[in-house]
Amino acid sequence: MRGEMNVRAYICDFLEQFNYPQEARECLLSTYDQIMENGETRAMWEGFLAAYEADYLCDLRAVIAGADRVAGLIGINEFTVDLLIFICLSKHLKALYVARGIPMAYYEKSMADLRYKLDECQLVYGVVGSFVADWFRGFFHLTRFGIGRLQFEIIPFNSNYEKNGIALTPTSKVLNVHIPRSGEPLTEEACLASYLAAKEFFKDEIGMDPCPFVCHSWLLDPQFDSFMPRHTNTYRFYKSFDIYEWEIKKDRRDLWRLFDTMEQNPDRLPADSSMRRAFIEHLKRGGRLGAGRGILFV
């Protein structure tokens, strides 16, 4: 019982620290209480936490699948339980940061991503939770970190690149860049600060100067040149990369990333920002979604 109280108190503190809406706090705490009130689900839940504490590299996909089974047993939406399990696991993750001397600011930026995914889930599905729980594995396996405005992880380049005296091969280590939906402006200054901090944090593993940063995203769509307003931070971010690969999407499923809805008809998409309006006009002209792979050096 004492352990349950400690976990519940931790959840309360976490929700307070990351400023979760009151509705979400009540839903997540109520869900935790229901899990603890059921002997079977309580044992399963405690097993998930014990597995992560024993080995932070444990199979988190199996943990998510187990959380989904818990959701079915107590009659709660899987998205809610999936978010809750990672909030609980973050208690041990925080201890790992402390033990390894990783800046607590990076823990806070990384765990803020759980809140960003909550916001997306509520906007897209009207549910307290996360519909992309598998994404969290990188943070909890200590391979991905929030550093300033952006997020980074080491990956192999998986391609060949040569320009300006710099050559990369498929096995070259590069820093993969992710852009969290934080609501913070994606300014050139904020991005540069993140790149410099990440370069310092990963320098021993990358071992290359200038440091290569890569990004694969719909935000690096070369079609932006034909319809994206030049004054936007999004366009400037796109232009900061050298695009070396590009693809056209077969469908519009990724529209939720910009429009917070699974709606795919451009006539019914929200047009409440210049960026959204530009995308809508692009789609109405018969344009399709694209994504690019780009690289920059810092």
C-alpha atoms as a PDB file:
ATOM      1  CA  MET A   1       0.000   0.000   0.000  1.00  0.00           C
ATOM      2  CA  ARG A   2       2.820   2.401   0.846  1.00  0.00           C
ATOM      3  CA  GLY A   3       4.347   1.864  -2.602  1.00  0.00           C
ATOM      4  CA  GLU A   4       0.975   2.574  -4.227  1.00  0.00           C
ATOM      5  CA  MET A   5       0.684   5.827  -2.268  1.00  0.00           C
ATOM      6  CA  ASN A   6       4.190   6.856  -3.334  1.00  0.00           C
ATOM      7  CA  VAL A   7       3.396   6.216  -6.996  1.00  0.00           C
ATOM      8  CA  ARG A   8       0.112   8.083  -6.765  1.00  0.00           C
ATOM      9  CA  ALA A   9       1.814  11.026  -5.082  1.00  0.00           C
ATOM     10  CA  TYR A  10       4.443  10.982  -7.809  1.00  0.00           C
ATOM     11  CA  ILE A  11       1.775  11.056 -10.500  1.00  0.00           C
ATOM     12  CA  CYS A  12       0.189  14.081  -8.808  1.00  0.00           C
ATOM     13  CA  ASP A  13       3.543  15.878  -8.691  1.00  0.00           C
ATOM     14  CA  PHE A  14       4.284  15.015 -12.337  1.00  0.00           C
ATOM     15  CA  LEU A  15       0.926  16.319 -13.533  1.00  0.00           C
ATOM     16  CA  GLU A  16       1.475  19.493 -11.539  1.00  0.00           C
ATOM     17  CA  GLN A  17       5.050  19.995 -12.780  1.00  0.00           C
ATOM     18  CA  PHE A  18       4.038  19.689 -16.429  1.00  0.00           C
ATOM     19  CA  ASN A  19       0.845  21.696 -16.032  1.00  0.00           C
ATOM     20  CA  TYR A  20      -1.687  19.081 -17.140  1.00  0.00           C
ATOM     21  CA  PRO A  21      -5.246  20.405 -17.480  1.00  0.00           C
ATOM     22  CA  GLN A  22      -7.516  19.656 -14.536  1.00  0.00           C
ATOM     23  CA  GLU A  23      -9.711  17.357 -16.615  1.00  0.00           C
ATOM     24  CA  ALA A  24      -6.682  15.284 -17.617  1.00  0.00           C
ATOM     25  CA  ARG A  25      -5.404  15.127 -14.024  1.00  0.00           C
ATOM     26  CA  GLU A  26      -8.711  13.825 -12.759  1.00  0.00           C
ATOM     27  CA  CYS A  27      -8.972  11.265 -15.559  1.00  0.00           C
ATOM     28  CA  LEU A  28      -5.431   9.933 -15.128  1.00  0.00           C
ATOM     29  CA  LEU A  29      -5.650   9.712 -11.330  1.00  0.00           C
ATOM     30  CA  SER A  30      -9.043   8.037 -11.507  1.00  0.00           C
ATOM     31  CA  THR A  31      -7.623   5.539 -14.003  1.00  0.00           C
ATOM     32  CA  TYR A  32      -4.702   4.779 -11.688  1.00  0.00           C
ATOM     33  CA  ASP A  33      -7.079   4.253  -8.773  1.00  0.00           C
ATOM     34  CA  GLN A  34      -9.184   1.825 -10.813  1.00  0.00           C
ATOM     35  CA  ILE A  35      -6.072  -0.132 -11.755  1.00  0.00           C
ATOM     36  CA  MET A  36      -4.997  -0.366  -8.116  1.00  0.00           C
ATOM     37  CA  GLU A  37      -8.450  -1.428  -6.937  1.00  0.00           C
ATOM     38  CA  ASN A  38      -8.399  -4.524  -9.153  1.00  0.00           C
ATOM     39  CA  GLY A  39      -6.065  -7.255  -7.892  1.00  0.00           C
ATOM     40  CA  GLU A  40      -5.234  -8.564 -11.352  1.00  0.00           C
ATOM     41  CA  THR A  41      -4.520  -5.205 -12.948  1.00  0.00           C
ATOM     42  CA  ARG A  42      -2.601  -3.981  -9.896  1.00  0.00           C
ATOM     43  CA  ALA A  43      -0.269  -6.980 -10.136  1.00  0.00           C
ATOM     44  CA  MET A  44       0.204  -6.404 -13.854  1.00  0.00           C
ATOM     45  CA  TRP A  45       0.935  -2.708 -13.343  1.00  0.00           C
ATOM     46  CA  GLU A  46       3.452  -3.325 -10.595  1.00  0.00           C
ATOM     47  CA  GLY A  47       5.100  -5.871 -12.876  1.00  0.00           C
ATOM     48  CA  PHE A  48       5.536  -3.250 -15.610  1.00  0.00           C
ATOM     49  CA  LEU A  49       7.216  -0.860 -13.183  1.00  0.00           C
ATOM     50  CA  ALA A  50       9.425  -3.598 -11.746  1.00  0.00           C
ATOM     51  CA  ALA A  51      10.537  -4.694 -15.218  1.00  0.00           C
ATOM     52  CA  TYR A  52      11.613  -1.161 -16.142  1.00  0.00           C
ATOM     53  CA  GLU A  53      13.375  -0.633 -12.815  1.00  0.00           C
ATOM     54  CA  ALA A  54      15.268  -3.902 -13.297  1.00  0.00           C
ATOM     55  CA  ASP A  55      16.317  -3.013 -16.857  1.00  0.00           C
ATOM     56  CA  TYR A  56      15.521   0.304 -18.515  1.00  0.00           C
ATOM     57  CA  LEU A  57      16.170  -1.377 -21.870  1.00  0.00           C
ATOM     58  CA  CYS A  58      13.325  -3.821 -21.283  1.00  0.00           C
ATOM     59  CA  ASP A  59      10.784  -4.484 -24.029  1.00  0.00           C
ATOM     60  CA  LEU A  60       8.616  -1.382 -23.798  1.00  0.00           C
ATOM     61  CA  ARG A  61       6.446  -2.551 -26.667  1.00  0.00           C
ATOM     62  CA  ALA A  62       5.502  -5.503 -24.469  1.00  0.00           C
ATOM     63  CA  VAL A  63       4.758  -3.042 -21.663  1.00  0.00           C
ATOM     64  CA  ILE A  64       2.469  -1.046 -23.963  1.00  0.00           C
ATOM     65  CA  ALA A  65       0.707  -4.235 -25.038  1.00  0.00           C
ATOM     66  CA  GLY A  66       0.280  -5.127 -21.368  1.00  0.00           C
ATOM     67  CA  ALA A  67      -1.093  -1.669 -20.612  1.00  0.00           C
ATOM     68  CA  ASP A  68      -3.619  -2.181 -23.400  1.00  0.00           C
ATOM     69  CA  ARG A  69      -4.717  -5.422 -21.731  1.00  0.00           C
ATOM     70  CA  VAL A  70      -5.130  -3.539 -18.461  1.00  0.00           C
ATOM     71  CA  ALA A  71      -7.274  -0.980 -20.283  1.00  0.00           C
ATOM     72  CA  GLY A  72      -9.560  -3.732 -21.504  1.00  0.00           C
ATOM     73  CA  LEU A  73      -9.887  -5.269 -18.044  1.00  0.00           C
ATOM     74  CA  ILE A  74     -10.960  -2.003 -16.402  1.00  0.00           C
ATOM     75  CA  GLY A  75     -12.921  -0.644 -19.375  1.00  0.00           C
ATOM     76  CA  ILE A  76     -10.764   2.454 -19.999  1.00  0.00           C
ATOM     77  CA  ASN A  77      -9.582   3.787 -23.351  1.00  0.00           C
ATOM     78  CA  GLU A  78      -6.181   2.332 -24.300  1.00  0.00           C
ATOM     79  CA  PHE A  79      -4.820   5.794 -25.086  1.00  0.00           C
ATOM     80  CA  THR A  80      -5.375   6.858 -21.466  1.00  0.00           C
ATOM     81  CA  VAL A  81      -3.668   3.818 -19.963  1.00  0.00           C
ATOM     82  CA  ASP A  82      -0.771   4.037 -22.425  1.00  0.00           C
ATOM     83  CA  LEU A  83       0.005   7.596 -21.356  1.00  0.00           C
ATOM     84  CA  LEU A  84      -0.392   6.724 -17.680  1.00  0.00           C
ATOM     85  CA  ILE A  85       2.119   3.872 -17.763  1.00  0.00           C
ATOM     86  CA  PHE A  86       4.815   6.154 -19.141  1.00  0.00           C
ATOM     87  CA  ILE A  87       4.057   8.795 -16.543  1.00  0.00           C
ATOM     88  CA  CYS A  88       4.606   6.110 -13.908  1.00  0.00           C
ATOM     89  CA  LEU A  89       7.800   4.889 -15.577  1.00  0.00           C
ATOM     90  CA  SER A  90       9.150   8.453 -15.627  1.00  0.00           C
ATOM     91  CA  LYS A  91       9.823   8.175 -11.872  1.00  0.00           C
ATOM     92  CA  HIS A  92      12.621   5.673 -12.501  1.00  0.00           C
ATOM     93  CA  LEU A  93      13.730   7.514 -15.631  1.00  0.00           C
ATOM     94  CA  LYS A  94      14.326  10.604 -13.508  1.00  0.00           C
ATOM     95  CA  ALA A  95      16.517   8.545 -11.183  1.00  0.00           C
ATOM     96  CA  LEU A  96      18.519   7.344 -14.190  1.00  0.00           C
ATOM     97  CA  TYR A  97      19.147  10.948 -15.248  1.00  0.00           C
ATOM     98  CA  VAL A  98      20.405  11.783 -11.773  1.00  0.00           C
ATOM     99  CA  ALA A  99      22.620   8.708 -11.587  1.00  0.00           C
ATOM    100  CA  ARG A 100      24.191   9.449 -14.971  1.00  0.00           C
ATOM    101  CA  GLY A 101      24.585  13.174 -14.408  1.00  0.00           C
ATOM    102  CA  ILE A 102      22.384  14.075 -17.383  1.00  0.00           C
ATOM    103  CA  PRO A 103      21.094  17.660 -17.097  1.00  0.00           C
ATOM    104  CA  MET A 104      17.687  17.737 -15.471  1.00  0.00           C
ATOM    105  CA  ALA A 105      16.633  20.338 -18.050  1.00  0.00           C
ATOM    106  CA  TYR A 106      16.891  17.572 -20.671  1.00  0.00           C
ATOM    107  CA  TYR A 107      14.664  15.298 -18.576  1.00  0.00           C
ATOM    108  CA  GLU A 108      12.101  18.065 -18.288  1.00  0.00           C
ATOM    109  CA  LYS A 109      12.140  18.766 -22.021  1.00  0.00           C
ATOM    110  CA  SER A 110      11.882  15.054 -22.785  1.00  0.00           C
ATOM    111  CA  MET A 111       8.997  14.444 -20.397  1.00  0.00           C
ATOM    112  CA  ALA A 112       7.199  17.533 -21.643  1.00  0.00           C
ATOM    113  CA  ASP A 113       6.700  15.503 -24.811  1.00  0.00           C
ATOM    114  CA  LEU A 114       4.168  13.343 -22.958  1.00  0.00           C
ATOM    115  CA  ARG A 115       2.110  16.485 -22.386  1.00  0.00           C
ATOM    116  CA  TYR A 116       2.426  17.498 -26.046  1.00  0.00           C
ATOM    117  CA  LYS A 117       1.119  14.098 -27.083  1.00  0.00           C
ATOM    118  CA  LEU A 118      -1.754  14.449 -24.609  1.00  0.00           C
ATOM    119  CA  ASP A 119      -2.717  17.722 -26.267  1.00  0.00           C
ATOM    120  CA  GLU A 120      -2.663  16.069 -29.703  1.00  0.00           C
ATOM    121  CA  CYS A 121      -4.749  13.143 -28.503  1.00  0.00           C
ATOM    122  CA  GLN A 122      -7.374  15.404 -27.000  1.00  0.00           C
ATOM    123  CA  LEU A 123      -7.524  17.549 -30.125  1.00  0.00           C
ATOM    124  CA  VAL A 124      -7.612  14.680 -32.618  1.00  0.00           C
ATOM    125  CA  TYR A 125      -9.643  12.078 -30.704  1.00  0.00           C
ATOM    126  CA  GLY A 126     -11.142  13.933 -27.745  1.00  0.00           C
ATOM    127  CA  VAL A 127      -9.479  11.434 -25.389  1.00  0.00           C
ATOM    128  CA  VAL A 128      -7.122  11.980 -22.446  1.00  0.00           C
ATOM    129  CA  GLY A 129      -4.072   9.929 -23.365  1.00  0.00           C
ATOM    130  CA  SER A 130      -1.686   9.306 -26.256  1.00  0.00           C
ATOM    131  CA  PHE A 131      -2.254   7.508 -29.545  1.00  0.00           C
ATOM    132  CA  VAL A 132       1.501   7.337 -30.275  1.00  0.00           C
ATOM    133  CA  ALA A 133       2.798   5.668 -27.106  1.00  0.00           C
ATOM    134  CA  ASP A 134       5.381   3.667 -29.061  1.00  0.00           C
ATOM    135  CA  TRP A 135       7.131   6.974 -29.772  1.00  0.00           C
ATOM    136  CA  PHE A 136       8.032   7.364 -26.094  1.00  0.00           C
ATOM    137  CA  ARG A 137      10.405   4.385 -26.146  1.00  0.00           C
ATOM    138  CA  GLY A 138      13.350   6.491 -27.320  1.00  0.00           C
ATOM    139  CA  PHE A 139      13.111   8.784 -24.300  1.00  0.00           C
ATOM    140  CA  PHE A 140      12.770   5.918 -21.831  1.00  0.00           C
ATOM    141  CA  HIS A 141      15.604   3.899 -23.382  1.00  0.00           C
ATOM    142  CA  LEU A 142      17.822   6.984 -23.018  1.00  0.00           C
ATOM    143  CA  THR A 143      18.493   7.261 -26.735  1.00  0.00           C
ATOM    144  CA  ARG A 144      16.429  10.398 -27.447  1.00  0.00           C
ATOM    145  CA  PHE A 145      16.622  13.657 -25.513  1.00  0.00           C
ATOM    146  CA  GLY A 146      14.803  16.954 -25.545  1.00  0.00           C
ATOM    147  CA  ILE A 147      17.462  19.656 -25.730  1.00  0.00           C
ATOM    148  CA  GLY A 148      16.084  23.157 -25.949  1.00  0.00           C
ATOM    149  CA  ARG A 149      13.503  23.587 -28.703  1.00  0.00           C
ATOM    150  CA  LEU A 150      14.325  20.304 -30.478  1.00  0.00           C
ATOM    151  CA  GLN A 151      14.867  16.614 -29.798  1.00  0.00           C
ATOM    152  CA  PHE A 152      17.862  14.505 -30.826  1.00  0.00           C
ATOM    153  CA  GLU A 153      19.060  10.920 -31.094  1.00  0.00           C
ATOM    154  CA  ILE A 154      22.016   9.212 -32.753  1.00  0.00           C
ATOM    155  CA  ILE A 155      21.228   7.127 -35.833  1.00  0.00           C
ATOM    156  CA  PRO A 156      23.269   5.709 -38.729  1.00  0.00           C
ATOM    157  CA  PHE A 157      23.069   7.932 -41.793  1.00  0.00           C
ATOM    158  CA  ASN A 158      21.989   5.032 -44.050  1.00  0.00           C
ATOM    159  CA  SER A 159      22.938   6.897 -47.203  1.00  0.00           C
ATOM    160  CA  ASN A 160      25.883   8.440 -49.001  1.00  0.00           C
ATOM    161  CA  TYR A 161      26.575  12.168 -49.033  1.00  0.00           C
ATOM    162  CA  GLU A 162      29.495  14.263 -50.181  1.00  0.00           C
ATOM    163  CA  LYS A 163      29.634  18.031 -50.415  1.00  0.00           C
ATOM    164  CA  ASN A 164      32.019  20.834 -49.473  1.00  0.00           C
ATOM    165  CA  GLY A 165      34.729  18.381 -48.495  1.00  0.00           C
ATOM    166  CA  ILE A 166      32.492  16.427 -46.114  1.00  0.00           C
ATOM    167  CA  ALA A 167      31.647  12.796 -46.825  1.00  0.00           C
ATOM    168  CA  LEU A 168      29.165  10.538 -45.032  1.00  0.00           C
ATOM    169  CA  THR A 169      28.562   6.822 -45.557  1.00  0.00           C
ATOM    170  CA  PRO A 170      25.604   4.645 -44.499  1.00  0.00           C
ATOM    171  CA  THR A 171      27.380   3.761 -41.237  1.00  0.00           C
ATOM    172  CA  SER A 172      28.270   7.351 -40.296  1.00  0.00           C
ATOM    173  CA  LYS A 173      26.754   8.466 -36.996  1.00  0.00           C
ATOM    174  CA  VAL A 174      24.516  11.513 -37.285  1.00  0.00           C
ATOM    175  CA  LEU A 175      22.132  13.350 -34.980  1.00  0.00           C
ATOM    176  CA  ASN A 176      18.515  12.853 -35.942  1.00  0.00           C
ATOM    177  CA  VAL A 177      16.373  15.940 -35.306  1.00  0.00           C
ATOM    178  CA  HIS A 178      12.729  15.869 -34.176  1.00  0.00           C
ATOM    179  CA  ILE A 179      10.487  18.911 -33.821  1.00  0.00           C
ATOM    180  CA  PRO A 180       8.122  18.539 -30.856  1.00  0.00           C
ATOM    181  CA  ARG A 181       4.697  20.149 -30.952  1.00  0.00           C
ATOM    182  CA  SER A 182       5.561  22.370 -27.987  1.00  0.00           C
ATOM    183  CA  GLY A 183       3.897  25.584 -29.103  1.00  0.00           C
ATOM    184  CA  GLU A 184       7.253  27.383 -28.893  1.00  0.00           C
ATOM    185  CA  PRO A 185       8.264  29.362 -31.997  1.00  0.00           C
ATOM    186  CA  LEU A 186      10.588  27.414 -34.284  1.00  0.00           C
ATOM    187  CA  THR A 187      12.985  30.331 -34.644  1.00  0.00           C
ATOM    188  CA  GLU A 188      16.441  30.174 -36.161  1.00  0.00           C
ATOM    189  CA  GLU A 189      17.905  31.343 -32.853  1.00  0.00           C
ATOM    190  CA  ALA A 190      16.149  28.648 -30.821  1.00  0.00           C
ATOM    191  CA  CYS A 191      17.165  25.935 -33.292  1.00  0.00           C
ATOM    192  CA  LEU A 192      20.796  27.039 -33.323  1.00  0.00           C
ATOM    193  CA  ALA A 193      20.915  26.992 -29.525  1.00  0.00           C
ATOM    194  CA  SER A 194      19.551  23.437 -29.580  1.00  0.00           C
ATOM    195  CA  TYR A 195      22.042  22.311 -32.223  1.00  0.00           C
ATOM    196  CA  LEU A 196      24.978  23.702 -30.271  1.00  0.00           C
ATOM    197  CA  ALA A 197      23.848  22.122 -27.007  1.00  0.00           C
ATOM    198  CA  ALA A 198      23.191  18.767 -28.690  1.00  0.00           C
ATOM    199  CA  LYS A 199      26.573  18.899 -30.422  1.00  0.00           C
ATOM    200  CA  GLU A 200      28.240  19.310 -27.039  1.00  0.00           C
ATOM    201  CA  PHE A 201      26.113  16.609 -25.365  1.00  0.00           C
ATOM    202  CA  PHE A 202      26.768  13.966 -28.044  1.00  0.00           C
ATOM    203  CA  LYS A 203      30.288  15.020 -29.093  1.00  0.00           C
ATOM    204  CA  ASP A 204      32.078  11.924 -27.763  1.00  0.00           C
ATOM    205  CA  GLU A 205      29.749   9.580 -29.640  1.00  0.00           C
ATOM    206  CA  ILE A 206      29.563  11.551 -32.884  1.00  0.00           C
ATOM    207  CA  GLY A 207      33.251  12.409 -33.020  1.00  0.00           C
ATOM    208  CA  MET A 208      32.866  14.740 -36.002  1.00  0.00           C
ATOM    209  CA  ASP A 209      33.164  18.492 -36.348  1.00  0.00           C
ATOM    210  CA  PRO A 210      31.173  20.084 -37.882  1.00  0.00           C
ATOM    211  CA  CYS A 211      28.433  17.891 -36.455  1.00  0.00           C
ATOM    212  CA  PRO A 212      25.948  16.404 -38.943  1.00  0.00           C
ATOM    213  CA  PHE A 213      22.248  16.848 -38.163  1.00  0.00           C
ATOM    214  CA  VAL A 214      19.595  15.077 -40.233  1.00  0.00           C
ATOM    215  CA  CYS A 215      15.835  15.379 -40.302  1.00  0.00           C
ATOM    216  CA  HIS A 216      13.113  13.377 -42.054  1.00  0.00           C
ATOM    217  CA  SER A 217       9.860  15.290 -41.885  1.00  0.00           C
ATOM    218  CA  TRP A 218       6.880  16.762 -43.689  1.00  0.00           C
ATOM    219  CA  LEU A 219       8.441  20.062 -42.597  1.00  0.00           C
ATOM    220  CA  LEU A 220      11.191  19.469 -45.174  1.00  0.00           C
ATOM    221  CA  ASP A 221       8.875  19.173 -48.163  1.00  0.00           C
ATOM    222  CA  PRO A 222      10.493  20.855 -51.226  1.00  0.00           C
ATOM    223  CA  GLN A 223       6.994  21.775 -52.387  1.00  0.00           C
ATOM    224  CA  PHE A 224       7.149  24.498 -49.720  1.00  0.00           C
ATOM    225  CA  ASP A 225       8.972  26.616 -52.299  1.00  0.00           C
ATOM    226  CA  SER A 226       5.752  26.844 -54.283  1.00  0.00           C
ATOM    227  CA  PHE A 227       3.252  27.686 -51.542  1.00  0.00           C
ATOM    228  CA  MET A 228       4.747  28.294 -48.095  1.00  0.00           C
ATOM    229  CA  PRO A 229       4.976  31.962 -47.003  1.00  0.00           C
ATOM    230  CA  ARG A 230       8.653  32.965 -46.931  1.00  0.00           C
ATOM    231  CA  HIS A 231       8.361  34.869 -43.666  1.00  0.00           C
ATOM    232  CA  THR A 232       7.331  31.833 -41.611  1.00  0.00           C
ATOM    233  CA  ASN A 233       9.642  30.036 -39.207  1.00  0.00           C
ATOM    234  CA  THR A 234       8.577  26.790 -40.871  1.00  0.00           C
ATOM    235  CA  TYR A 235       9.901  27.918 -44.234  1.00  0.00           C
ATOM    236  CA  ARG A 236      13.172  29.124 -42.700  1.00  0.00           C
ATOM    237  CA  PHE A 237      13.588  25.796 -40.914  1.00  0.00           C
ATOM    238  CA  TYR A 238      13.059  23.944 -44.190  1.00  0.00           C
ATOM    239  CA  LYS A 239      15.579  26.141 -46.027  1.00  0.00           C
ATOM    240  CA  SER A 240      18.242  25.558 -43.372  1.00  0.00           C
ATOM    241  CA  PHE A 241      18.602  21.941 -44.543  1.00  0.00           C
ATOM    242  CA  ASP A 242      20.169  20.533 -47.681  1.00  0.00           C
ATOM    243  CA  ILE A 243      17.420  18.195 -48.932  1.00  0.00           C
ATOM    244  CA  TYR A 244      19.004  15.014 -50.292  1.00  0.00           C
ATOM    245  CA  GLU A 245      15.885  12.806 -50.612  1.00  0.00           C
ATOM    246  CA  TRP A 246      12.203  13.544 -51.127  1.00  0.00           C
ATOM    247  CA  GLU A 247       8.965  11.612 -51.366  1.00  0.00           C
ATOM    248  CA  ILE A 248       5.299  12.242 -52.146  1.00  0.00           C
ATOM    249  CA  LYS A 249       2.852  10.632 -49.732  1.00  0.00           C
ATOM    250  CA  LYS A 250       0.279   8.250 -51.161  1.00  0.00           C
ATOM    251  CA  ASP A 251      -2.467   9.587 -48.914  1.00  0.00           C
ATOM    252  CA  ARG A 252      -3.326  12.417 -46.521  1.00  0.00           C
ATOM    253  CA  ARG A 253      -3.109  10.538 -43.229  1.00  0.00           C
ATOM    254  CA  ASP A 254      -0.392  12.822 -41.880  1.00  0.00           C
ATOM    255  CA  LEU A 255      -2.605  15.918 -42.104  1.00  0.00           C
ATOM    256  CA  TRP A 256      -3.395  15.523 -38.388  1.00  0.00           C
ATOM    257  CA  ARG A 257       0.135  16.710 -37.603  1.00  0.00           C
ATOM    258  CA  LEU A 258      -0.804  20.202 -38.770  1.00  0.00           C
ATOM    259  CA  PHE A 259      -4.584  20.328 -38.476  1.00  0.00           C
ATOM    260  CA  ASP A 260      -5.288  18.340 -35.258  1.00  0.00           C
ATOM    261  CA  THR A 261      -7.949  16.266 -36.968  1.00  0.00           C
ATOM    262  CA  MET A 262      -8.224  13.067 -38.993  1.00  0.00           C
ATOM    263  CA  GLU A 263     -10.357  15.010 -41.476  1.00  0.00           C
ATOM    264  CA  GLN A 264      -8.835  14.880 -44.963  1.00  0.00           C
ATOM    265  CA  ASN A 265     -11.249  17.044 -46.955  1.00  0.00           C
ATOM    266  CA  PRO A 266      -9.553  20.451 -47.421  1.00  0.00           C
ATOM    267  CA  ASP A 267     -12.950  22.179 -47.389  1.00  0.00           C
ATOM    268  CA  ARG A 268     -13.444  21.041 -43.787  1.00  0.00           C
ATOM    269  CA  LEU A 269      -9.964  21.681 -42.430  1.00  0.00           C
ATOM    270  CA  PRO A 270      -9.384  24.566 -39.984  1.00  0.00           C
ATOM    271  CA  ALA A 271      -7.907  27.630 -41.695  1.00  0.00           C
ATOM    272  CA  ASP A 272      -6.980  29.667 -38.635  1.00  0.00           C
ATOM    273  CA  SER A 273      -3.286  30.307 -39.414  1.00  0.00           C
ATOM    274  CA  SER A 274      -1.284  31.387 -42.441  1.00  0.00           C
ATOM    275  CA  MET A 275       0.457  28.027 -42.534  1.00  0.00           C
ATOM    276  CA  ARG A 276      -2.810  26.093 -42.458  1.00  0.00           C
ATOM    277  CA  ARG A 277      -4.330  28.312 -45.126  1.00  0.00           C
ATOM    278  CA  ALA A 278      -1.284  27.793 -47.358  1.00  0.00           C
ATOM    279  CA  PHE A 279      -1.582  24.018 -47.007  1.00  0.00           C
ATOM    280  CA  ILE A 280      -5.307  24.078 -47.728  1.00  0.00           C
ATOM    281  CA  GLU A 281      -4.805  26.064 -50.923  1.00  0.00           C
ATOM    282  CA  HIS A 282      -2.044  23.662 -51.946  1.00  0.00           C
ATOM    283  CA  LEU A 283      -4.383  20.692 -51.450  1.00  0.00           C
ATOM    284  CA  LYS A 284      -7.250  22.380 -53.311  1.00  0.00           C
ATOM    285  CA  ARG A 285      -4.973  22.916 -56.300  1.00  0.00           C
ATOM    286  CA  GLY A 286      -4.421  19.171 -56.397  1.00  0.00           C
ATOM    287  CA  GLY A 287      -1.211  19.235 -54.393  1.00  0.00           C
ATOM    288  CA  ARG A 288      -0.191  16.283 -52.284  1.00  0.00           C
ATOM    289  CA  LEU A 289       1.680  15.844 -49.036  1.00  0.00           C
ATOM    290  CA  GLY A 290       5.407  15.338 -49.219  1.00  0.00           C
ATOM    291  CA  ALA A 291       8.333  14.712 -46.896  1.00  0.00           C
ATOM    292  CA  GLY A 292      12.016  15.354 -47.246  1.00  0.00           C
ATOM    293  CA  ARG A 293      15.266  14.142 -45.771  1.00  0.00           C
ATOM    294  CA  GLY A 294      17.715  16.934 -45.127  1.00  0.00           C
ATOM    295  CA  ILE A 295      21.100  17.513 -43.571  1.00  0.00           C
ATOM    296  CA  LEU A 296      22.879  20.475 -42.048  1.00  0.00           C
ATOM    297  CA  PHE A 297      26.229  20.870 -40.297  1.00  0.00           C
ATOM    298  CA  VAL A 298      26.939  22.862 -37.136  1.00  0.00           C
END
